Amino acid sequence: MLEKSFLAGMACAAAFAGAQAAPGAPPPDAASPPAHPASQAVRHAPPRLDRSGHRRVGKASVYSGRFDGRRMADGTRMDPQADTAASKTLPLGTTAKVTNLQTGDSAVVTIRDRGPFVKGRIVDLSPAAAAKVGLDRHDGLAKVAVTPIQVPPRADGPPDRAAASDAAPATPRSHSSASPR
């Protein structure tokens, strides 16, 4: 009797863990949730673009050297000597002032890429821009204020989403009966 209880318990544990149950045991319920939430890929909608011009405070980091020469979101290549930055929420082409809140040093950058994709960070700076605000690759992070100076006008098109608004807007088609086919 004890052996049957043990085998039944093991079959239940295997079913809950997402593993295959013991031979002869019924398959786990298909409607049950997966064993661990991290086992599923979670897709989030891109953040809304911020065209408000309001100052934002958060952490800045320096672009990794492995991005040197790679294409950025706007199609240009990453130049470590240019004053460029990446933002998840500012539109591409935005000119912004980045100020290190500890030192008061600042740099004017152009948003040319998307990122940083690390929680708590609001901007990735090129090495040249990072040096101007008193941050180098070895320092890692600094608390900064990002103040947009010039935000490009919004083109008519889809709602401001990071992935959608930077693309060319789609032209709607007319389906009237008078149009030739």
N, C-alpha and C. Protein backbone atom coordinates (compact mmCIF):
# COMPACT_ATOMS: atom_id res chain seq x y z
N MET A 1 0.82 -1.19 0.00
CA MET A 1 0.00 0.00 0.00
C MET A 1 0.86 1.25 0.00
N LEU A 2 1.90 1.23 0.80
CA LEU A 2 2.80 2.37 0.87
C LEU A 2 3.47 2.62 -0.48
N GLU A 3 3.81 1.52 -1.19
CA GLU A 3 4.46 1.65 -2.49
C GLU A 3 3.52 2.30 -3.50
N LYS A 4 2.23 1.97 -3.51
CA LYS A 4 1.27 2.58 -4.43
C LYS A 4 1.13 4.08 -4.15
N SER A 5 1.06 4.46 -2.88
CA SER A 5 0.96 5.88 -2.52
C SER A 5 2.20 6.63 -2.97
N PHE A 6 3.36 6.02 -2.80
CA PHE A 6 4.60 6.65 -3.21
C PHE A 6 4.63 6.87 -4.71
N LEU A 7 4.25 5.84 -5.50
CA LEU A 7 4.23 5.96 -6.96
C LEU A 7 3.20 6.99 -7.42
N ALA A 8 2.06 7.03 -6.78
CA ALA A 8 1.04 8.03 -7.15
C ALA A 8 1.55 9.43 -6.84
N GLY A 9 2.22 9.59 -5.74
CA GLY A 9 2.78 10.90 -5.38
C GLY A 9 3.86 11.34 -6.37
N MET A 10 4.69 10.39 -6.79
CA MET A 10 5.74 10.70 -7.76
C MET A 10 5.13 11.10 -9.10
N ALA A 11 4.06 10.43 -9.52
CA ALA A 11 3.40 10.77 -10.78
C ALA A 11 2.82 12.17 -10.72
N CYS A 12 2.22 12.53 -9.60
CA CYS A 12 1.68 13.89 -9.44
C CYS A 12 2.80 14.92 -9.46
N ALA A 13 3.88 14.64 -8.78
CA ALA A 13 5.00 15.58 -8.74
C ALA A 13 5.58 15.78 -10.14
N ALA A 14 5.69 14.70 -10.90
CA ALA A 14 6.22 14.81 -12.26
C ALA A 14 5.28 15.62 -13.14
N ALA A 15 3.97 15.42 -12.95
CA ALA A 15 3.00 16.17 -13.76
C ALA A 15 3.07 17.66 -13.44
N PHE A 16 3.21 18.02 -12.18
CA PHE A 16 3.29 19.42 -11.79
C PHE A 16 4.60 20.06 -12.24
N ALA A 17 5.66 19.29 -12.32
CA ALA A 17 6.96 19.82 -12.72
C ALA A 17 7.08 19.95 -14.23
N GLY A 18 6.07 19.52 -14.96
CA GLY A 18 6.12 19.64 -16.41
C GLY A 18 6.87 18.50 -17.06
N ALA A 19 7.33 17.55 -16.27
CA ALA A 19 8.05 16.41 -16.83
C ALA A 19 7.04 15.35 -17.23
N GLN A 20 7.51 14.34 -17.92
CA GLN A 20 6.63 13.27 -18.34
C GLN A 20 6.34 12.39 -17.13
N ALA A 21 5.08 12.01 -17.01
CA ALA A 21 4.68 11.18 -15.87
C ALA A 21 5.19 9.76 -16.05
N ALA A 22 5.08 8.98 -15.00
CA ALA A 22 5.51 7.59 -15.02
C ALA A 22 4.71 6.82 -16.06
N PRO A 23 5.28 5.75 -16.63
CA PRO A 23 4.55 4.96 -17.63
C PRO A 23 3.24 4.45 -17.06
N GLY A 24 2.19 4.54 -17.87
CA GLY A 24 0.88 4.09 -17.45
C GLY A 24 0.07 5.15 -16.74
N ALA A 25 0.69 6.23 -16.31
CA ALA A 25 -0.02 7.31 -15.64
C ALA A 25 -0.70 8.18 -16.69
N PRO A 26 -1.82 8.80 -16.36
CA PRO A 26 -2.49 9.66 -17.33
C PRO A 26 -1.63 10.88 -17.65
N PRO A 27 -1.72 11.44 -18.88
CA PRO A 27 -0.92 12.61 -19.23
C PRO A 27 -1.35 13.82 -18.41
N PRO A 28 -0.45 14.75 -18.17
CA PRO A 28 -0.82 15.93 -17.39
C PRO A 28 -1.86 16.75 -18.15
N ASP A 29 -2.68 17.45 -17.40
CA ASP A 29 -3.75 18.26 -17.97
C ASP A 29 -3.14 19.34 -18.87
N ALA A 30 -3.60 19.43 -20.13
CA ALA A 30 -3.07 20.39 -21.09
C ALA A 30 -3.40 21.82 -20.69
N ALA A 31 -4.46 22.01 -19.89
CA ALA A 31 -4.86 23.36 -19.50
C ALA A 31 -4.10 23.86 -18.28
N SER A 32 -3.29 23.01 -17.65
CA SER A 32 -2.57 23.44 -16.46
C SER A 32 -1.43 24.38 -16.83
N PRO A 33 -1.10 25.32 -15.96
CA PRO A 33 -0.03 26.26 -16.26
C PRO A 33 1.32 25.57 -16.27
N PRO A 34 2.33 26.16 -16.95
CA PRO A 34 3.65 25.54 -16.96
C PRO A 34 4.26 25.55 -15.56
N ALA A 35 5.26 24.71 -15.38
CA ALA A 35 5.87 24.55 -14.07
C ALA A 35 6.53 25.83 -13.58
N HIS A 36 7.15 26.58 -14.45
CA HIS A 36 7.88 27.77 -14.05
C HIS A 36 7.58 28.89 -15.03
N PRO A 37 7.18 30.09 -14.53
CA PRO A 37 6.82 31.17 -15.46
C PRO A 37 7.97 31.59 -16.37
N ALA A 38 9.20 31.41 -15.94
CA ALA A 38 10.33 31.82 -16.77
C ALA A 38 10.51 30.90 -17.97
N SER A 39 9.81 29.75 -17.97
CA SER A 39 9.96 28.84 -19.09
C SER A 39 9.20 29.31 -20.31
N GLN A 40 8.34 30.30 -20.16
CA GLN A 40 7.60 30.85 -21.29
C GLN A 40 8.23 32.16 -21.70
N ALA A 41 8.27 32.39 -23.01
CA ALA A 41 8.76 33.68 -23.50
C ALA A 41 7.67 34.71 -23.28
N VAL A 42 8.00 35.79 -22.60
CA VAL A 42 7.03 36.84 -22.32
C VAL A 42 7.32 37.99 -23.25
N ARG A 43 6.31 38.39 -24.01
CA ARG A 43 6.47 39.51 -24.93
C ARG A 43 5.69 40.70 -24.40
N HIS A 44 6.36 41.80 -24.30
CA HIS A 44 5.73 43.03 -23.85
C HIS A 44 5.60 43.99 -25.02
N ALA A 45 4.59 44.82 -24.98
CA ALA A 45 4.46 45.86 -25.99
C ALA A 45 5.59 46.85 -25.78
N PRO A 46 6.14 47.39 -26.86
CA PRO A 46 7.20 48.38 -26.68
C PRO A 46 6.66 49.59 -25.93
N PRO A 47 7.52 50.27 -25.18
CA PRO A 47 7.04 51.41 -24.42
C PRO A 47 6.59 52.54 -25.34
N ARG A 48 5.68 53.35 -24.86
CA ARG A 48 5.22 54.51 -25.62
C ARG A 48 6.36 55.51 -25.74
N LEU A 49 6.44 56.14 -26.89
CA LEU A 49 7.44 57.17 -27.07
C LEU A 49 7.01 58.42 -26.31
N ASP A 50 7.98 59.08 -25.71
CA ASP A 50 7.72 60.27 -24.91
C ASP A 50 8.08 61.51 -25.72
N ARG A 51 7.09 62.22 -26.20
CA ARG A 51 7.30 63.46 -26.94
C ARG A 51 6.97 64.67 -26.08
N SER A 52 6.80 64.47 -24.78
CA SER A 52 6.37 65.55 -23.89
C SER A 52 7.45 66.60 -23.67
N GLY A 53 8.71 66.23 -23.80
CA GLY A 53 9.80 67.16 -23.52
C GLY A 53 10.14 67.26 -22.05
N HIS A 54 9.53 66.40 -21.22
CA HIS A 54 9.79 66.45 -19.79
C HIS A 54 11.13 65.80 -19.45
N ARG A 55 11.76 66.32 -18.43
CA ARG A 55 13.03 65.81 -17.92
C ARG A 55 12.78 64.48 -17.23
N ARG A 56 13.68 63.52 -17.45
CA ARG A 56 13.61 62.22 -16.80
C ARG A 56 14.90 61.96 -16.04
N VAL A 57 14.78 61.34 -14.89
CA VAL A 57 15.94 61.03 -14.07
C VAL A 57 16.04 59.51 -13.94
N GLY A 58 17.26 59.00 -14.10
CA GLY A 58 17.50 57.57 -13.98
C GLY A 58 18.97 57.27 -14.14
N LYS A 59 19.28 56.02 -14.41
CA LYS A 59 20.67 55.60 -14.55
C LYS A 59 21.09 55.57 -16.00
N ALA A 60 22.33 55.99 -16.24
CA ALA A 60 22.93 55.93 -17.57
C ALA A 60 24.05 54.91 -17.54
N SER A 61 24.25 54.27 -18.69
CA SER A 61 25.36 53.33 -18.83
C SER A 61 26.09 53.66 -20.12
N VAL A 62 27.26 53.05 -20.29
CA VAL A 62 28.08 53.28 -21.47
C VAL A 62 27.90 52.10 -22.41
N TYR A 63 27.77 52.41 -23.73
CA TYR A 63 27.69 51.36 -24.73
C TYR A 63 28.88 50.42 -24.58
N SER A 64 28.64 49.16 -24.74
CA SER A 64 29.70 48.17 -24.72
C SER A 64 30.55 48.33 -25.98
N GLY A 65 31.82 48.03 -25.89
CA GLY A 65 32.71 48.11 -27.04
C GLY A 65 32.32 47.19 -28.18
N ARG A 66 31.55 46.14 -27.87
CA ARG A 66 31.16 45.21 -28.93
C ARG A 66 30.17 45.82 -29.91
N PHE A 67 29.58 46.99 -29.58
CA PHE A 67 28.65 47.64 -30.49
C PHE A 67 29.33 48.60 -31.46
N ASP A 68 30.62 48.86 -31.27
CA ASP A 68 31.34 49.78 -32.15
C ASP A 68 31.23 49.31 -33.60
N GLY A 69 30.75 50.19 -34.47
CA GLY A 69 30.64 49.88 -35.89
C GLY A 69 29.36 49.16 -36.29
N ARG A 70 28.57 48.71 -35.33
CA ARG A 70 27.32 48.03 -35.66
C ARG A 70 26.23 49.04 -36.00
N ARG A 71 25.27 48.60 -36.78
CA ARG A 71 24.16 49.48 -37.16
C ARG A 71 23.25 49.72 -35.96
N MET A 72 22.82 50.98 -35.85
CA MET A 72 21.89 51.35 -34.79
C MET A 72 20.48 51.38 -35.37
N ALA A 73 19.50 51.67 -34.55
CA ALA A 73 18.09 51.63 -34.97
C ALA A 73 17.79 52.61 -36.10
N ASP A 74 18.52 53.71 -36.19
CA ASP A 74 18.25 54.68 -37.26
C ASP A 74 19.02 54.35 -38.54
N GLY A 75 19.79 53.26 -38.55
CA GLY A 75 20.50 52.83 -39.75
C GLY A 75 21.95 53.26 -39.82
N THR A 76 22.37 54.21 -38.99
CA THR A 76 23.76 54.64 -38.99
C THR A 76 24.59 53.65 -38.19
N ARG A 77 25.89 53.71 -38.36
CA ARG A 77 26.78 52.83 -37.62
C ARG A 77 27.20 53.50 -36.31
N MET A 78 27.36 52.68 -35.28
CA MET A 78 27.77 53.18 -33.98
C MET A 78 29.20 53.71 -34.06
N ASP A 79 29.36 55.00 -33.78
CA ASP A 79 30.67 55.64 -33.77
C ASP A 79 30.98 56.00 -32.32
N PRO A 80 31.98 55.38 -31.70
CA PRO A 80 32.26 55.66 -30.30
C PRO A 80 32.70 57.10 -30.05
N GLN A 81 33.12 57.82 -31.11
CA GLN A 81 33.57 59.21 -30.95
C GLN A 81 32.43 60.21 -31.12
N ALA A 82 31.25 59.77 -31.54
CA ALA A 82 30.10 60.67 -31.74
C ALA A 82 29.31 60.78 -30.44
N ASP A 83 28.61 61.89 -30.30
CA ASP A 83 27.76 62.09 -29.13
C ASP A 83 26.38 61.52 -29.41
N THR A 84 26.29 60.20 -29.29
CA THR A 84 25.02 59.51 -29.56
C THR A 84 24.59 58.76 -28.31
N ALA A 85 23.30 58.39 -28.33
CA ALA A 85 22.74 57.67 -27.19
C ALA A 85 21.61 56.77 -27.64
N ALA A 86 21.21 55.88 -26.75
CA ALA A 86 20.08 54.99 -26.98
C ALA A 86 19.05 55.24 -25.90
N SER A 87 17.78 55.27 -26.30
CA SER A 87 16.68 55.45 -25.36
C SER A 87 15.52 54.56 -25.79
N LYS A 88 14.81 54.01 -24.82
CA LYS A 88 13.64 53.20 -25.15
C LYS A 88 12.44 54.08 -25.43
N THR A 89 12.40 55.30 -24.88
CA THR A 89 11.19 56.10 -24.95
C THR A 89 11.30 57.38 -25.76
N LEU A 90 12.49 57.92 -25.94
CA LEU A 90 12.61 59.14 -26.76
C LEU A 90 12.65 58.77 -28.23
N PRO A 91 11.96 59.53 -29.08
CA PRO A 91 11.96 59.22 -30.51
C PRO A 91 13.36 59.32 -31.11
N LEU A 92 13.62 58.49 -32.12
CA LEU A 92 14.90 58.58 -32.82
C LEU A 92 15.03 59.97 -33.42
N GLY A 93 16.24 60.52 -33.35
CA GLY A 93 16.48 61.86 -33.87
C GLY A 93 16.33 62.96 -32.83
N THR A 94 15.89 62.61 -31.62
CA THR A 94 15.75 63.60 -30.55
C THR A 94 17.13 64.07 -30.11
N THR A 95 17.26 65.38 -29.90
CA THR A 95 18.47 65.95 -29.31
C THR A 95 18.17 66.17 -27.84
N ALA A 96 19.03 65.67 -26.96
CA ALA A 96 18.78 65.76 -25.53
C ALA A 96 20.05 66.12 -24.78
N LYS A 97 19.86 66.78 -23.65
CA LYS A 97 20.98 67.10 -22.77
C LYS A 97 20.99 66.07 -21.65
N VAL A 98 22.13 65.41 -21.46
CA VAL A 98 22.30 64.41 -20.41
C VAL A 98 23.23 65.00 -19.36
N THR A 99 22.75 65.10 -18.12
CA THR A 99 23.52 65.72 -17.04
C THR A 99 23.76 64.71 -15.94
N ASN A 100 25.04 64.54 -15.56
CA ASN A 100 25.42 63.69 -14.44
C ASN A 100 25.02 64.44 -13.17
N LEU A 101 24.13 63.88 -12.38
CA LEU A 101 23.62 64.58 -11.20
C LEU A 101 24.62 64.65 -10.06
N GLN A 102 25.67 63.84 -10.08
CA GLN A 102 26.68 63.91 -9.03
C GLN A 102 27.75 64.95 -9.34
N THR A 103 28.13 65.07 -10.61
CA THR A 103 29.22 65.97 -10.98
C THR A 103 28.75 67.26 -11.63
N GLY A 104 27.55 67.26 -12.18
CA GLY A 104 27.04 68.43 -12.89
C GLY A 104 27.51 68.49 -14.34
N ASP A 105 28.38 67.56 -14.76
CA ASP A 105 28.86 67.54 -16.14
C ASP A 105 27.72 67.12 -17.07
N SER A 106 27.73 67.69 -18.29
CA SER A 106 26.65 67.35 -19.22
C SER A 106 27.17 67.23 -20.64
N ALA A 107 26.35 66.62 -21.49
CA ALA A 107 26.65 66.47 -22.90
C ALA A 107 25.33 66.52 -23.66
N VAL A 108 25.39 67.06 -24.87
CA VAL A 108 24.23 67.07 -25.75
C VAL A 108 24.39 65.90 -26.71
N VAL A 109 23.38 65.02 -26.73
CA VAL A 109 23.45 63.79 -27.54
C VAL A 109 22.26 63.73 -28.50
N THR A 110 22.41 62.88 -29.51
CA THR A 110 21.32 62.58 -30.42
C THR A 110 20.91 61.13 -30.21
N ILE A 111 19.61 60.91 -30.04
CA ILE A 111 19.10 59.54 -29.84
C ILE A 111 19.07 58.86 -31.20
N ARG A 112 19.88 57.82 -31.34
CA ARG A 112 19.99 57.10 -32.61
C ARG A 112 19.69 55.61 -32.49
N ASP A 113 19.47 55.13 -31.26
CA ASP A 113 19.30 53.70 -31.07
C ASP A 113 18.28 53.44 -29.97
N ARG A 114 17.85 52.19 -29.85
CA ARG A 114 16.93 51.74 -28.83
C ARG A 114 17.70 51.03 -27.73
N GLY A 115 17.25 51.21 -26.51
CA GLY A 115 17.89 50.59 -25.37
C GLY A 115 17.97 51.62 -24.26
N PRO A 116 18.58 51.37 -23.19
CA PRO A 116 19.14 50.11 -22.73
C PRO A 116 18.02 49.17 -22.28
N PHE A 117 18.26 47.89 -22.43
CA PHE A 117 17.26 46.90 -22.08
C PHE A 117 17.59 46.25 -20.75
N VAL A 118 17.91 47.10 -19.79
CA VAL A 118 18.21 46.66 -18.43
C VAL A 118 17.33 47.49 -17.51
N LYS A 119 16.67 46.84 -16.58
CA LYS A 119 15.75 47.52 -15.68
C LYS A 119 16.46 48.64 -14.92
N GLY A 120 15.82 49.79 -14.86
CA GLY A 120 16.34 50.91 -14.10
C GLY A 120 17.21 51.87 -14.89
N ARG A 121 17.60 51.50 -16.09
CA ARG A 121 18.43 52.39 -16.91
C ARG A 121 17.56 53.12 -17.93
N ILE A 122 17.87 54.40 -18.15
CA ILE A 122 17.06 55.18 -19.09
C ILE A 122 17.82 55.57 -20.34
N VAL A 123 19.15 55.48 -20.32
CA VAL A 123 19.92 55.89 -21.49
C VAL A 123 21.25 55.15 -21.54
N ASP A 124 21.66 54.76 -22.75
CA ASP A 124 23.00 54.23 -23.01
C ASP A 124 23.75 55.32 -23.75
N LEU A 125 24.95 55.64 -23.32
CA LEU A 125 25.73 56.71 -23.94
C LEU A 125 26.92 56.13 -24.70
N SER A 126 27.26 56.79 -25.82
CA SER A 126 28.49 56.42 -26.54
C SER A 126 29.66 56.75 -25.62
N PRO A 127 30.81 56.13 -25.83
CA PRO A 127 31.97 56.43 -24.97
C PRO A 127 32.33 57.91 -24.95
N ALA A 128 32.22 58.61 -26.09
CA ALA A 128 32.55 60.04 -26.12
C ALA A 128 31.58 60.85 -25.26
N ALA A 129 30.29 60.58 -25.38
CA ALA A 129 29.29 61.30 -24.58
C ALA A 129 29.44 60.95 -23.10
N ALA A 130 29.72 59.68 -22.82
CA ALA A 130 29.89 59.26 -21.43
C ALA A 130 31.08 59.96 -20.79
N ALA A 131 32.17 60.14 -21.54
CA ALA A 131 33.35 60.83 -21.01
C ALA A 131 33.01 62.29 -20.68
N LYS A 132 32.15 62.91 -21.50
CA LYS A 132 31.78 64.31 -21.25
C LYS A 132 30.96 64.47 -19.97
N VAL A 133 30.20 63.45 -19.61
CA VAL A 133 29.42 63.54 -18.38
C VAL A 133 30.15 62.91 -17.19
N GLY A 134 31.42 62.55 -17.39
CA GLY A 134 32.22 62.03 -16.30
C GLY A 134 31.99 60.56 -16.01
N LEU A 135 31.68 59.78 -17.04
CA LEU A 135 31.43 58.36 -16.87
C LEU A 135 32.27 57.61 -17.89
N ASP A 136 32.99 56.58 -17.46
CA ASP A 136 33.72 55.77 -18.44
C ASP A 136 33.26 54.33 -18.34
N ARG A 137 33.74 53.50 -19.24
CA ARG A 137 33.28 52.11 -19.29
C ARG A 137 33.55 51.36 -17.99
N HIS A 138 34.54 51.77 -17.26
CA HIS A 138 34.90 51.08 -16.01
C HIS A 138 34.03 51.54 -14.85
N ASP A 139 33.53 52.79 -14.90
CA ASP A 139 32.65 53.28 -13.84
C ASP A 139 31.31 52.56 -13.87
N GLY A 140 30.83 52.27 -15.07
CA GLY A 140 29.58 51.53 -15.21
C GLY A 140 28.35 52.38 -15.30
N LEU A 141 27.87 52.90 -14.17
CA LEU A 141 26.61 53.62 -14.14
C LEU A 141 26.74 54.97 -13.47
N ALA A 142 25.82 55.87 -13.81
CA ALA A 142 25.74 57.17 -13.14
C ALA A 142 24.29 57.61 -13.14
N LYS A 143 23.90 58.32 -12.10
CA LYS A 143 22.55 58.87 -12.05
C LYS A 143 22.55 60.15 -12.88
N VAL A 144 21.64 60.21 -13.85
CA VAL A 144 21.61 61.34 -14.78
C VAL A 144 20.19 61.88 -14.94
N ALA A 145 20.14 63.10 -15.48
CA ALA A 145 18.88 63.70 -15.91
C ALA A 145 18.96 63.82 -17.42
N VAL A 146 17.91 63.38 -18.11
CA VAL A 146 17.84 63.49 -19.57
C VAL A 146 16.74 64.49 -19.89
N THR A 147 17.16 65.61 -20.50
CA THR A 147 16.22 66.67 -20.85
C THR A 147 16.19 66.82 -22.36
N PRO A 148 15.06 66.50 -23.00
CA PRO A 148 14.97 66.68 -24.45
C PRO A 148 15.08 68.16 -24.83
N ILE A 149 15.90 68.44 -25.83
CA ILE A 149 16.06 69.82 -26.33
C ILE A 149 15.20 69.99 -27.57
N GLN A 150 15.28 69.03 -28.47
CA GLN A 150 14.49 69.10 -29.70
C GLN A 150 13.98 67.70 -30.02
N VAL A 151 12.65 67.58 -30.10
CA VAL A 151 12.00 66.31 -30.41
C VAL A 151 11.47 66.42 -31.84
N PRO A 152 11.81 65.46 -32.70
CA PRO A 152 11.33 65.53 -34.08
C PRO A 152 9.81 65.45 -34.13
N PRO A 153 9.20 66.09 -35.12
CA PRO A 153 7.74 66.04 -35.22
C PRO A 153 7.26 64.63 -35.52
N ARG A 154 6.09 64.32 -35.03
CA ARG A 154 5.50 62.99 -35.25
C ARG A 154 4.87 62.95 -36.63
N ALA A 155 5.24 61.94 -37.39
CA ALA A 155 4.63 61.73 -38.70
C ALA A 155 3.26 61.11 -38.48
N ASP A 156 2.31 61.39 -39.35
CA ASP A 156 1.00 60.76 -39.24
C ASP A 156 1.19 59.27 -39.42
N GLY A 157 0.60 58.53 -38.56
CA GLY A 157 0.75 57.09 -38.66
C GLY A 157 0.23 56.39 -37.43
N PRO A 158 0.83 55.25 -37.11
CA PRO A 158 0.35 54.45 -35.98
C PRO A 158 0.62 55.15 -34.66
N PRO A 159 0.03 54.67 -33.56
CA PRO A 159 0.28 55.26 -32.24
C PRO A 159 1.77 55.22 -31.92
N ASP A 160 2.19 56.11 -31.05
CA ASP A 160 3.59 56.19 -30.68
C ASP A 160 4.01 54.97 -29.89
N ARG A 161 4.54 54.02 -30.55
CA ARG A 161 5.15 52.85 -29.93
C ARG A 161 6.56 52.82 -30.46
N ALA A 162 7.50 52.39 -29.64
CA ALA A 162 8.91 52.44 -30.02
C ALA A 162 9.17 51.73 -31.34
N ALA A 163 8.53 50.60 -31.57
CA ALA A 163 8.79 49.86 -32.79
C ALA A 163 7.97 50.40 -33.96
N ALA A 164 6.79 50.92 -33.70
CA ALA A 164 5.89 51.29 -34.79
C ALA A 164 6.08 52.72 -35.28
N SER A 165 6.35 53.67 -34.40
CA SER A 165 6.34 55.06 -34.82
C SER A 165 7.58 55.46 -35.59
N ASP A 166 8.65 54.71 -35.46
CA ASP A 166 9.86 55.06 -36.19
C ASP A 166 9.85 54.50 -37.60
N ALA A 167 8.90 53.64 -37.90
CA ALA A 167 8.78 53.10 -39.25
C ALA A 167 7.92 54.03 -40.09
N ALA A 168 8.02 53.90 -41.41
CA ALA A 168 7.21 54.72 -42.30
C ALA A 168 5.74 54.36 -42.11
N PRO A 169 4.85 55.36 -42.08
CA PRO A 169 3.44 55.05 -41.87
C PRO A 169 2.85 54.34 -43.08
N ALA A 170 1.92 53.47 -42.81
CA ALA A 170 1.24 52.75 -43.88
C ALA A 170 0.18 53.64 -44.51
N THR A 171 -0.02 53.51 -45.81
CA THR A 171 -1.03 54.29 -46.51
C THR A 171 -2.29 53.44 -46.60
N PRO A 172 -3.43 53.95 -46.06
CA PRO A 172 -4.65 53.16 -46.12
C PRO A 172 -5.18 53.09 -47.55
N ARG A 173 -5.78 51.97 -47.89
CA ARG A 173 -6.35 51.80 -49.23
C ARG A 173 -7.83 52.10 -49.20
N SER A 174 -8.31 52.67 -50.25
CA SER A 174 -9.73 52.96 -50.38
C SER A 174 -10.40 51.81 -51.10
N HIS A 175 -11.54 51.41 -50.60
CA HIS A 175 -12.29 50.31 -51.20
C HIS A 175 -13.61 50.77 -51.78
N SER A 176 -13.62 51.94 -52.38
CA SER A 176 -14.87 52.43 -52.97
C SER A 176 -15.13 51.72 -54.28
N SER A 177 -16.41 51.67 -54.67
CA SER A 177 -16.78 50.95 -55.88
C SER A 177 -16.41 51.73 -57.14
N ALA A 178 -16.12 53.03 -57.00
CA ALA A 178 -15.79 53.84 -58.17
C ALA A 178 -14.35 53.68 -58.61
N SER A 179 -13.48 53.15 -57.75
CA SER A 179 -12.07 53.05 -58.10
C SER A 179 -11.84 51.88 -59.04
N PRO A 180 -10.96 52.05 -60.05
CA PRO A 180 -10.66 50.96 -60.98
C PRO A 180 -9.86 49.88 -60.28
N ARG A 181 -9.99 48.67 -60.76
CA ARG A 181 -9.24 47.54 -60.17
C ARG A 181 -8.30 46.95 -61.14
